[in-house]
C-alpha atoms as a PDB file:
ATOM      1  CA  MET A   1     109.872  97.328  94.638  1.00  0.00           C
ATOM      2  CA  THR A   2     111.262  94.318  92.787  1.00  0.00           C
ATOM      3  CA  GLN A   3     107.771  93.347  91.657  1.00  0.00           C
ATOM      4  CA  ASP A   4     107.270  96.832  90.178  1.00  0.00           C
ATOM      5  CA  LEU A   5     110.514  96.509  88.224  1.00  0.00           C
ATOM      6  CA  VAL A   6     109.457  93.150  86.826  1.00  0.00           C
ATOM      7  CA  VAL A   7     106.108  94.591  85.744  1.00  0.00           C
ATOM      8  CA  ILE A   8     107.833  97.534  84.058  1.00  0.00           C
ATOM      9  CA  GLN A   9     110.249  95.234  82.235  1.00  0.00           C
ATOM     10  CA  LEU A  10     107.449  92.971  81.036  1.00  0.00           C
ATOM     11  CA  ALA A  11     105.475  95.999  79.869  1.00  0.00           C
ATOM     12  CA  ALA A  12     108.513  97.191  77.927  1.00  0.00           C
ATOM     13  CA  ILE A  13     108.775  93.795  76.244  1.00  0.00           C
ATOM     14  CA  LEU A  14     105.075  93.908  75.356  1.00  0.00           C
ATOM     15  CA  VAL A  15     105.448  97.354  73.781  1.00  0.00           C
ATOM     16  CA  ALA A  16     108.600  96.355  71.927  1.00  0.00           C
ATOM     17  CA  THR A  17     106.998  93.263  70.416  1.00  0.00           C
ATOM     18  CA  SER A  18     103.617  94.756  69.561  1.00  0.00           C
ATOM     19  CA  TYR A  19     104.368  98.360  68.569  1.00  0.00           C
ATOM     20  CA  ASP A  20     105.798  97.677  65.123  1.00  0.00           C
ATOM     21  CA  ASN A  21     102.850  95.481  64.130  1.00  0.00           C
ATOM     22  CA  ALA A  22     100.923  96.543  61.037  1.00  0.00           C
ATOM     23  CA  GLN A  23      97.524  96.064  62.675  1.00  0.00           C
ATOM     24  CA  PRO A  24      96.509  99.128  64.723  1.00  0.00           C
ATOM     25  CA  VAL A  25      94.529  97.051  67.233  1.00  0.00           C
ATOM     26  CA  ILE A  26      97.601  95.049  68.234  1.00  0.00           C
ATOM     27  CA  LYS A  27      99.913  98.073  68.039  1.00  0.00           C
ATOM     28  CA  TRP A  28      97.871 100.388  70.263  1.00  0.00           C
ATOM     29  CA  GLY A  29      96.324  97.610  72.340  1.00  0.00           C
ATOM     30  CA  GLY A  30      99.746  96.460  73.486  1.00  0.00           C
ATOM     31  CA  LEU A  31     100.684 100.018  74.387  1.00  0.00           C
ATOM     32  CA  VAL A  32      97.453 100.633  76.338  1.00  0.00           C
ATOM     33  CA  ILE A  33      97.740  97.346  78.231  1.00  0.00           C
ATOM     34  CA  ALA A  34     101.395  98.029  79.085  1.00  0.00           C
ATOM     35  CA  VAL A  35     100.699 101.544  80.366  1.00  0.00           C
ATOM     36  CA  GLY A  36      97.679 100.389  82.353  1.00  0.00           C
ATOM     37  CA  THR A  37      99.643  97.564  83.937  1.00  0.00           C
ATOM     38  CA  VAL A  38     102.514  99.831  84.952  1.00  0.00           C
ATOM     39  CA  VAL A  39     100.163 102.436  86.425  1.00  0.00           C
ATOM     40  CA  ALA A  40      98.218  99.777  88.339  1.00  0.00           C
ATOM     41  CA  SER A  41     101.449  98.277  89.661  1.00  0.00           C
ATOM     42  CA  ILE A  42     102.874 101.581  90.840  1.00  0.00           C
ATOM     43  CA  PHE A  43      99.737 103.164  92.284  1.00  0.00           C
ATOM     44  CA  GLY A  44      97.841 100.004  93.219  1.00  0.00           C
ATOM     45  CA  GLY A  45     100.053  98.826  95.924  1.00  0.00           C
END
């Protein structure tokens, strides 16, 4: 459970730092990676 919380917090930091970037690749890439990581952490084990 603690590991899932750490992954969620790190994903939130990734979104917060990359979402306001002017380049769409970094903006949406950070969001996609964060969501994928959270989903894998929760449902993967």
